[in-house]
Every structure is written in structure tokens, then in C-alpha cells.
Amino acid sequence: MKLFKTIALVSLILLTACSQEEDIAEIDNPELVAVAFFNALYNEKDVKKAASVCSPKLARIILHYKSPNAVARHLFNMSYDSVNITPDDSGVKVREQFKDNANITLYFDGIYQEDKMKNVKRIRLIQVDGSWVIDKILKDPF
């Protein structure tokens, strides 16, 4: 009986932990959606999860490449083995947000083939039916 209780408790903990992982599409902050998108692509290596928060046109392009490495190389010209992604938090405008769109600047600090790599990307998000979706990859700010 004690073994059964232990197995039940461990199963309950695992199920609770799995169900608490938030779907990217349910995040209501555009900066967090942008970070979650790149995290899904670079750290989780999940192209479908990344494409789930893109406009239909961008999602079709991302899914065309099939692998996260191909998307990273061809669309963003950035490759990482692991990366830390942070939105711009300087005193200047963190985001230029209007009613239904936002331009987000993201900083990437990671490792690729044992080399330290840093990069900056800007993306435009739009709000569709109350959810933020990535609509466009903007030109490099530098």
C-alpha cells in the first residue's frame, strides 16, 4: 500500500508539472511571446511550437524548413547550441506598442560550437483575436 501511495504521489506531481507549462499562444505580453518563440526554436528545438505564435504567412515559411537549425540559419542568420534571450529593458522605449502591434528588440547571448555569440533582433508582433502573433522580422537595428 505504501508503494502504491508513493507511485500515485509521484505521478500526480509529474502530471501537475506538465500541465503548468503554458502554451505560447496564451501569453498576453508581446515581449514574453517573442522570448518564448525564440526559446522554442533555439533551446527546445520545436519548430511547430514556434510556428504556433506566427502569422499564417510566417508560420508557413517556418514550417517549410522543418528543422529548427534550418529556420535559425536561413531566416535569422543565427545559430546557437544554447542561448539566453532577453527583451530590451533599457531606459529607452522597450517596445513601441500601439493598440494592436508592437516592435520588440531582443538580445541573444549564447554558445555555438563552443564559441560565445551575441546578437540583436527586432520583430513586429500584431494582436489577432486577443493573442499576440509574430508578423514580421524587422531589419537589423545595427
N, C-alpha and C. Protein backbone atom coordinates (compact mmCIF):
# COMPACT_ATOMS: atom_id res chain seq x y z
N MET A 1 0.82 -1.19 0.00
CA MET A 1 0.00 0.00 0.00
C MET A 1 0.87 1.27 0.00
N LYS A 2 1.97 1.21 0.75
CA LYS A 2 2.87 2.35 0.82
C LYS A 2 3.49 2.62 -0.57
N LEU A 3 3.83 1.56 -1.29
CA LEU A 3 4.38 1.70 -2.63
C LEU A 3 3.36 2.35 -3.57
N PHE A 4 2.11 1.93 -3.46
CA PHE A 4 1.04 2.49 -4.29
C PHE A 4 0.89 3.99 -4.03
N LYS A 5 0.93 4.41 -2.76
CA LYS A 5 0.80 5.83 -2.42
C LYS A 5 1.98 6.63 -2.98
N THR A 6 3.17 6.07 -2.92
CA THR A 6 4.36 6.75 -3.43
C THR A 6 4.26 6.92 -4.94
N ILE A 7 3.84 5.86 -5.63
CA ILE A 7 3.70 5.93 -7.10
C ILE A 7 2.62 6.94 -7.47
N ALA A 8 1.52 6.94 -6.75
CA ALA A 8 0.43 7.88 -7.02
C ALA A 8 0.89 9.32 -6.80
N LEU A 9 1.65 9.57 -5.74
CA LEU A 9 2.13 10.90 -5.44
C LEU A 9 3.11 11.39 -6.51
N VAL A 10 4.02 10.54 -6.92
CA VAL A 10 4.98 10.91 -7.96
C VAL A 10 4.25 11.18 -9.28
N SER A 11 3.29 10.35 -9.62
CA SER A 11 2.51 10.56 -10.85
C SER A 11 1.75 11.88 -10.81
N LEU A 12 1.16 12.19 -9.67
CA LEU A 12 0.42 13.44 -9.52
C LEU A 12 1.34 14.65 -9.69
N ILE A 13 2.52 14.58 -9.11
CA ILE A 13 3.48 15.68 -9.23
C ILE A 13 3.91 15.86 -10.68
N LEU A 14 4.19 14.76 -11.36
CA LEU A 14 4.61 14.85 -12.76
C LEU A 14 3.50 15.40 -13.65
N LEU A 15 2.28 14.97 -13.43
CA LEU A 15 1.16 15.46 -14.23
C LEU A 15 0.92 16.95 -13.97
N THR A 16 1.05 17.37 -12.75
CA THR A 16 0.86 18.78 -12.41
C THR A 16 1.95 19.62 -13.06
N ALA A 17 3.17 19.16 -13.02
CA ALA A 17 4.27 19.90 -13.63
C ALA A 17 4.09 20.02 -15.13
N CYS A 18 3.63 18.99 -15.78
CA CYS A 18 3.42 19.02 -17.23
C CYS A 18 2.28 19.95 -17.60
N SER A 19 1.23 19.97 -16.83
CA SER A 19 0.08 20.79 -17.18
C SER A 19 0.31 22.27 -16.90
N GLN A 20 1.33 22.61 -16.12
CA GLN A 20 1.59 24.00 -15.82
C GLN A 20 2.41 24.70 -16.90
N GLU A 21 2.96 23.94 -17.85
CA GLU A 21 3.70 24.55 -18.94
C GLU A 21 2.72 25.32 -19.81
N GLU A 22 2.92 26.63 -19.89
CA GLU A 22 1.98 27.48 -20.59
C GLU A 22 2.20 27.42 -22.09
N ASP A 23 1.10 27.35 -22.83
CA ASP A 23 1.14 27.40 -24.27
C ASP A 23 1.55 28.81 -24.67
N ILE A 24 2.42 28.95 -25.63
CA ILE A 24 2.91 30.27 -26.03
C ILE A 24 1.75 31.16 -26.46
N ALA A 25 0.78 30.59 -27.15
CA ALA A 25 -0.34 31.38 -27.68
C ALA A 25 -1.18 32.00 -26.57
N GLU A 26 -1.07 31.50 -25.35
CA GLU A 26 -1.88 32.02 -24.24
C GLU A 26 -1.20 33.15 -23.48
N ILE A 27 0.03 33.48 -23.81
CA ILE A 27 0.76 34.55 -23.14
C ILE A 27 0.23 35.89 -23.64
N ASP A 28 -0.05 36.82 -22.72
CA ASP A 28 -0.66 38.08 -23.14
C ASP A 28 0.30 39.26 -23.16
N ASN A 29 1.60 39.02 -23.05
CA ASN A 29 2.60 40.07 -23.10
C ASN A 29 3.45 39.86 -24.35
N PRO A 30 3.54 40.84 -25.26
CA PRO A 30 4.27 40.62 -26.51
C PRO A 30 5.75 40.30 -26.31
N GLU A 31 6.41 40.90 -25.29
CA GLU A 31 7.81 40.58 -25.05
C GLU A 31 7.98 39.12 -24.68
N LEU A 32 7.09 38.63 -23.83
CA LEU A 32 7.19 37.23 -23.41
C LEU A 32 6.88 36.27 -24.54
N VAL A 33 5.96 36.65 -25.43
CA VAL A 33 5.66 35.82 -26.61
C VAL A 33 6.90 35.74 -27.49
N ALA A 34 7.57 36.87 -27.70
CA ALA A 34 8.77 36.89 -28.54
C ALA A 34 9.87 36.02 -27.93
N VAL A 35 10.08 36.14 -26.63
CA VAL A 35 11.11 35.33 -25.96
C VAL A 35 10.74 33.85 -26.03
N ALA A 36 9.46 33.51 -25.80
CA ALA A 36 9.02 32.12 -25.85
C ALA A 36 9.17 31.54 -27.26
N PHE A 37 8.93 32.36 -28.29
CA PHE A 37 9.08 31.92 -29.68
C PHE A 37 10.54 31.50 -29.94
N PHE A 38 11.48 32.37 -29.61
CA PHE A 38 12.88 32.06 -29.85
C PHE A 38 13.38 30.95 -28.93
N ASN A 39 12.85 30.88 -27.72
CA ASN A 39 13.22 29.79 -26.82
C ASN A 39 12.77 28.44 -27.39
N ALA A 40 11.55 28.40 -27.94
CA ALA A 40 11.05 27.16 -28.56
C ALA A 40 11.93 26.77 -29.75
N LEU A 41 12.38 27.75 -30.49
CA LEU A 41 13.17 27.49 -31.68
C LEU A 41 14.61 27.07 -31.34
N TYR A 42 15.26 27.82 -30.46
CA TYR A 42 16.69 27.58 -30.20
C TYR A 42 16.97 26.60 -29.06
N ASN A 43 16.21 26.67 -27.97
CA ASN A 43 16.51 25.82 -26.82
C ASN A 43 15.69 24.54 -26.80
N GLU A 44 14.41 24.63 -27.15
CA GLU A 44 13.55 23.43 -27.15
C GLU A 44 13.60 22.69 -28.48
N LYS A 45 14.11 23.34 -29.52
CA LYS A 45 14.22 22.74 -30.86
C LYS A 45 12.86 22.24 -31.37
N ASP A 46 11.82 23.07 -31.19
CA ASP A 46 10.46 22.69 -31.56
C ASP A 46 9.89 23.71 -32.56
N VAL A 47 9.98 23.37 -33.84
CA VAL A 47 9.54 24.27 -34.90
C VAL A 47 8.02 24.48 -34.85
N LYS A 48 7.26 23.43 -34.58
CA LYS A 48 5.80 23.57 -34.54
C LYS A 48 5.35 24.48 -33.42
N LYS A 49 6.00 24.38 -32.27
CA LYS A 49 5.65 25.26 -31.14
C LYS A 49 5.97 26.71 -31.49
N ALA A 50 7.10 26.94 -32.13
CA ALA A 50 7.48 28.30 -32.53
C ALA A 50 6.50 28.84 -33.57
N ALA A 51 6.12 28.02 -34.53
CA ALA A 51 5.21 28.46 -35.59
C ALA A 51 3.80 28.72 -35.06
N SER A 52 3.46 28.18 -33.90
CA SER A 52 2.11 28.35 -33.36
C SER A 52 1.80 29.79 -32.98
N VAL A 53 2.81 30.64 -32.84
CA VAL A 53 2.58 32.05 -32.50
C VAL A 53 3.00 32.98 -33.63
N CYS A 54 2.95 32.49 -34.84
CA CYS A 54 3.30 33.30 -36.01
C CYS A 54 2.07 33.55 -36.85
N SER A 55 2.13 34.62 -37.63
CA SER A 55 1.08 34.88 -38.60
C SER A 55 1.07 33.73 -39.59
N PRO A 56 -0.04 33.49 -40.28
CA PRO A 56 -0.09 32.35 -41.22
C PRO A 56 1.04 32.36 -42.26
N LYS A 57 1.37 33.52 -42.78
CA LYS A 57 2.44 33.61 -43.79
C LYS A 57 3.79 33.21 -43.20
N LEU A 58 4.14 33.76 -42.04
CA LEU A 58 5.41 33.43 -41.41
C LEU A 58 5.44 31.99 -40.92
N ALA A 59 4.31 31.50 -40.40
CA ALA A 59 4.23 30.10 -39.95
C ALA A 59 4.48 29.14 -41.11
N ARG A 60 3.92 29.45 -42.26
CA ARG A 60 4.11 28.60 -43.44
C ARG A 60 5.58 28.56 -43.84
N ILE A 61 6.26 29.70 -43.77
CA ILE A 61 7.69 29.75 -44.10
C ILE A 61 8.50 28.94 -43.09
N ILE A 62 8.20 29.12 -41.81
CA ILE A 62 8.94 28.41 -40.76
C ILE A 62 8.74 26.90 -40.88
N LEU A 63 7.50 26.48 -41.10
CA LEU A 63 7.22 25.05 -41.21
C LEU A 63 7.82 24.44 -42.48
N HIS A 64 8.04 25.26 -43.49
CA HIS A 64 8.66 24.79 -44.73
C HIS A 64 10.07 24.26 -44.48
N TYR A 65 10.82 24.91 -43.58
CA TYR A 65 12.19 24.50 -43.31
C TYR A 65 12.29 23.23 -42.48
N LYS A 66 11.24 22.88 -41.75
CA LYS A 66 11.11 21.64 -40.99
C LYS A 66 12.02 21.51 -39.77
N SER A 67 13.27 21.90 -39.84
CA SER A 67 14.16 21.74 -38.68
C SER A 67 14.47 23.10 -38.07
N PRO A 68 14.64 23.14 -36.75
CA PRO A 68 14.97 24.40 -36.10
C PRO A 68 16.31 24.98 -36.56
N ASN A 69 17.25 24.12 -36.88
CA ASN A 69 18.55 24.60 -37.36
C ASN A 69 18.43 25.31 -38.71
N ALA A 70 17.59 24.78 -39.59
CA ALA A 70 17.38 25.40 -40.89
C ALA A 70 16.68 26.74 -40.75
N VAL A 71 15.68 26.81 -39.88
CA VAL A 71 14.99 28.08 -39.64
C VAL A 71 15.97 29.11 -39.10
N ALA A 72 16.76 28.71 -38.10
CA ALA A 72 17.72 29.62 -37.49
C ALA A 72 18.74 30.13 -38.50
N ARG A 73 19.21 29.25 -39.34
CA ARG A 73 20.24 29.61 -40.31
C ARG A 73 19.69 30.48 -41.43
N HIS A 74 18.53 30.10 -42.00
CA HIS A 74 18.03 30.79 -43.19
C HIS A 74 17.19 32.03 -42.87
N LEU A 75 16.38 32.00 -41.83
CA LEU A 75 15.52 33.14 -41.54
C LEU A 75 16.19 34.18 -40.65
N PHE A 76 16.96 33.73 -39.69
CA PHE A 76 17.51 34.66 -38.71
C PHE A 76 19.02 34.84 -38.81
N ASN A 77 19.68 34.02 -39.62
CA ASN A 77 21.12 34.08 -39.79
C ASN A 77 21.84 33.99 -38.43
N MET A 78 21.30 33.16 -37.55
CA MET A 78 21.88 32.96 -36.23
C MET A 78 21.81 31.48 -35.89
N SER A 79 22.89 30.91 -35.42
CA SER A 79 22.89 29.53 -34.97
C SER A 79 23.42 29.48 -33.55
N TYR A 80 22.73 28.71 -32.70
CA TYR A 80 23.13 28.55 -31.30
C TYR A 80 22.93 27.11 -30.88
N ASP A 81 23.82 26.62 -30.02
CA ASP A 81 23.58 25.34 -29.36
C ASP A 81 22.68 25.56 -28.16
N SER A 82 22.92 26.65 -27.44
CA SER A 82 22.04 27.09 -26.35
C SER A 82 22.14 28.60 -26.28
N VAL A 83 21.04 29.24 -25.89
CA VAL A 83 21.00 30.70 -25.91
C VAL A 83 20.12 31.23 -24.79
N ASN A 84 20.49 32.41 -24.29
CA ASN A 84 19.68 33.14 -23.34
C ASN A 84 19.10 34.35 -24.09
N ILE A 85 17.78 34.50 -24.07
CA ILE A 85 17.11 35.55 -24.82
C ILE A 85 16.48 36.52 -23.83
N THR A 86 16.77 37.81 -24.01
CA THR A 86 16.17 38.82 -23.14
C THR A 86 15.63 39.97 -23.98
N PRO A 87 14.46 40.49 -23.61
CA PRO A 87 13.95 41.67 -24.31
C PRO A 87 14.71 42.91 -23.86
N ASP A 88 14.73 43.92 -24.69
CA ASP A 88 15.39 45.18 -24.36
C ASP A 88 14.73 45.78 -23.14
N ASP A 89 15.53 46.11 -22.13
CA ASP A 89 14.98 46.70 -20.91
C ASP A 89 15.69 48.00 -20.55
N SER A 90 16.26 48.66 -21.55
CA SER A 90 16.95 49.92 -21.29
C SER A 90 15.93 51.02 -21.00
N GLY A 91 16.41 52.17 -20.63
CA GLY A 91 15.53 53.28 -20.31
C GLY A 91 14.80 53.83 -21.52
N VAL A 92 15.28 53.49 -22.70
CA VAL A 92 14.63 53.92 -23.93
C VAL A 92 13.38 53.06 -24.10
N LYS A 93 12.58 53.34 -25.11
CA LYS A 93 11.36 52.56 -25.31
C LYS A 93 11.68 51.08 -25.40
N VAL A 94 11.14 50.30 -24.47
CA VAL A 94 11.34 48.86 -24.51
C VAL A 94 10.59 48.30 -25.70
N ARG A 95 9.43 48.78 -25.89
CA ARG A 95 8.66 48.34 -27.05
C ARG A 95 7.86 49.52 -27.54
N GLU A 96 7.70 49.58 -28.80
CA GLU A 96 6.84 50.59 -29.38
C GLU A 96 5.51 49.90 -29.59
N GLN A 97 4.65 49.98 -28.59
CA GLN A 97 3.39 49.25 -28.65
C GLN A 97 2.23 50.20 -28.87
N PHE A 98 1.41 49.84 -29.77
CA PHE A 98 0.20 50.57 -30.01
C PHE A 98 -0.95 49.63 -29.68
N LYS A 99 -2.14 49.95 -30.10
CA LYS A 99 -3.30 49.15 -29.72
C LYS A 99 -3.16 47.70 -30.14
N ASP A 100 -2.70 47.47 -31.34
CA ASP A 100 -2.70 46.10 -31.84
C ASP A 100 -1.38 45.65 -32.46
N ASN A 101 -0.28 46.39 -32.24
CA ASN A 101 1.01 45.91 -32.72
C ASN A 101 2.13 46.40 -31.81
N ALA A 102 3.26 45.69 -31.86
CA ALA A 102 4.41 46.04 -31.03
C ALA A 102 5.69 45.64 -31.76
N ASN A 103 6.69 46.51 -31.67
CA ASN A 103 8.02 46.20 -32.17
C ASN A 103 8.90 45.87 -30.97
N ILE A 104 9.49 44.68 -30.98
CA ILE A 104 10.26 44.20 -29.84
C ILE A 104 11.72 44.01 -30.26
N THR A 105 12.63 44.49 -29.42
CA THR A 105 14.06 44.25 -29.62
C THR A 105 14.49 43.18 -28.63
N LEU A 106 15.17 42.16 -29.14
CA LEU A 106 15.62 41.04 -28.32
C LEU A 106 17.14 40.90 -28.41
N TYR A 107 17.74 40.56 -27.26
CA TYR A 107 19.17 40.32 -27.20
C TYR A 107 19.42 38.83 -26.99
N PHE A 108 20.35 38.29 -27.77
CA PHE A 108 20.69 36.87 -27.72
C PHE A 108 22.13 36.75 -27.23
N ASP A 109 22.32 35.89 -26.23
CA ASP A 109 23.65 35.64 -25.68
C ASP A 109 23.76 34.13 -25.50
N GLY A 110 24.58 33.50 -26.34
CA GLY A 110 24.62 32.04 -26.28
C GLY A 110 25.93 31.44 -26.76
N ILE A 111 25.87 30.13 -26.92
CA ILE A 111 27.04 29.34 -27.31
C ILE A 111 26.72 28.62 -28.62
N TYR A 112 27.68 28.67 -29.56
CA TYR A 112 27.58 27.88 -30.78
C TYR A 112 28.95 27.27 -31.05
N GLN A 113 29.02 25.95 -31.05
CA GLN A 113 30.25 25.20 -31.26
C GLN A 113 31.38 25.74 -30.36
N GLU A 114 31.07 25.87 -29.09
CA GLU A 114 32.00 26.30 -28.05
C GLU A 114 32.46 27.75 -28.17
N ASP A 115 31.86 28.53 -29.06
CA ASP A 115 32.15 29.95 -29.19
C ASP A 115 31.00 30.76 -28.60
N LYS A 116 31.34 31.82 -27.89
CA LYS A 116 30.31 32.70 -27.33
C LYS A 116 29.82 33.64 -28.43
N MET A 117 28.49 33.71 -28.60
CA MET A 117 27.89 34.52 -29.65
C MET A 117 26.87 35.48 -29.05
N LYS A 118 26.85 36.71 -29.56
CA LYS A 118 25.86 37.71 -29.16
C LYS A 118 25.21 38.26 -30.42
N ASN A 119 23.91 38.58 -30.30
CA ASN A 119 23.19 39.10 -31.44
C ASN A 119 22.00 39.92 -30.98
N VAL A 120 21.43 40.70 -31.89
CA VAL A 120 20.25 41.50 -31.61
C VAL A 120 19.28 41.31 -32.77
N LYS A 121 18.01 41.13 -32.46
CA LYS A 121 16.97 41.01 -33.48
C LYS A 121 15.78 41.86 -33.08
N ARG A 122 15.09 42.37 -34.09
CA ARG A 122 13.83 43.11 -33.86
C ARG A 122 12.73 42.40 -34.63
N ILE A 123 11.59 42.27 -33.98
CA ILE A 123 10.45 41.64 -34.63
C ILE A 123 9.19 42.47 -34.37
N ARG A 124 8.23 42.33 -35.25
CA ARG A 124 6.94 43.00 -35.09
C ARG A 124 5.90 41.96 -34.74
N LEU A 125 5.14 42.24 -33.70
CA LEU A 125 4.03 41.40 -33.30
C LEU A 125 2.73 42.16 -33.53
N ILE A 126 1.69 41.43 -33.90
CA ILE A 126 0.37 42.02 -34.03
C ILE A 126 -0.59 41.24 -33.15
N GLN A 127 -1.67 41.90 -32.79
CA GLN A 127 -2.66 41.23 -31.96
C GLN A 127 -3.80 40.75 -32.85
N VAL A 128 -4.07 39.44 -32.78
CA VAL A 128 -5.13 38.82 -33.57
C VAL A 128 -6.04 38.08 -32.61
N ASP A 129 -7.29 38.48 -32.55
CA ASP A 129 -8.29 37.86 -31.66
C ASP A 129 -7.79 37.80 -30.21
N GLY A 130 -7.16 38.86 -29.75
CA GLY A 130 -6.71 38.93 -28.36
C GLY A 130 -5.38 38.24 -28.08
N SER A 131 -4.76 37.63 -29.08
CA SER A 131 -3.47 36.94 -28.89
C SER A 131 -2.39 37.64 -29.71
N TRP A 132 -1.19 37.69 -29.16
CA TRP A 132 -0.07 38.28 -29.89
C TRP A 132 0.56 37.23 -30.80
N VAL A 133 0.78 37.59 -32.06
CA VAL A 133 1.44 36.71 -33.02
C VAL A 133 2.57 37.47 -33.70
N ILE A 134 3.62 36.75 -34.02
CA ILE A 134 4.77 37.35 -34.69
C ILE A 134 4.44 37.49 -36.17
N ASP A 135 4.52 38.72 -36.65
CA ASP A 135 4.11 39.01 -38.01
C ASP A 135 5.28 39.22 -38.96
N LYS A 136 6.36 39.82 -38.45
CA LYS A 136 7.43 40.20 -39.35
C LYS A 136 8.76 40.26 -38.61
N ILE A 137 9.82 39.89 -39.31
CA ILE A 137 11.17 40.04 -38.80
C ILE A 137 11.69 41.35 -39.38
N LEU A 138 11.99 42.30 -38.50
CA LEU A 138 12.41 43.62 -38.94
C LEU A 138 13.90 43.62 -39.28
N LYS A 139 14.32 44.61 -40.03
CA LYS A 139 15.74 44.74 -40.38
C LYS A 139 16.56 44.93 -39.13
N ASP A 140 17.79 44.43 -39.18
CA ASP A 140 18.70 44.56 -38.04
C ASP A 140 18.88 46.03 -37.68
N PRO A 141 18.81 46.35 -36.39
CA PRO A 141 18.92 47.76 -35.98
C PRO A 141 20.34 48.31 -36.10
N PHE A 142 21.33 47.45 -36.28
CA PHE A 142 22.72 47.93 -36.31
C PHE A 142 23.40 47.58 -37.60
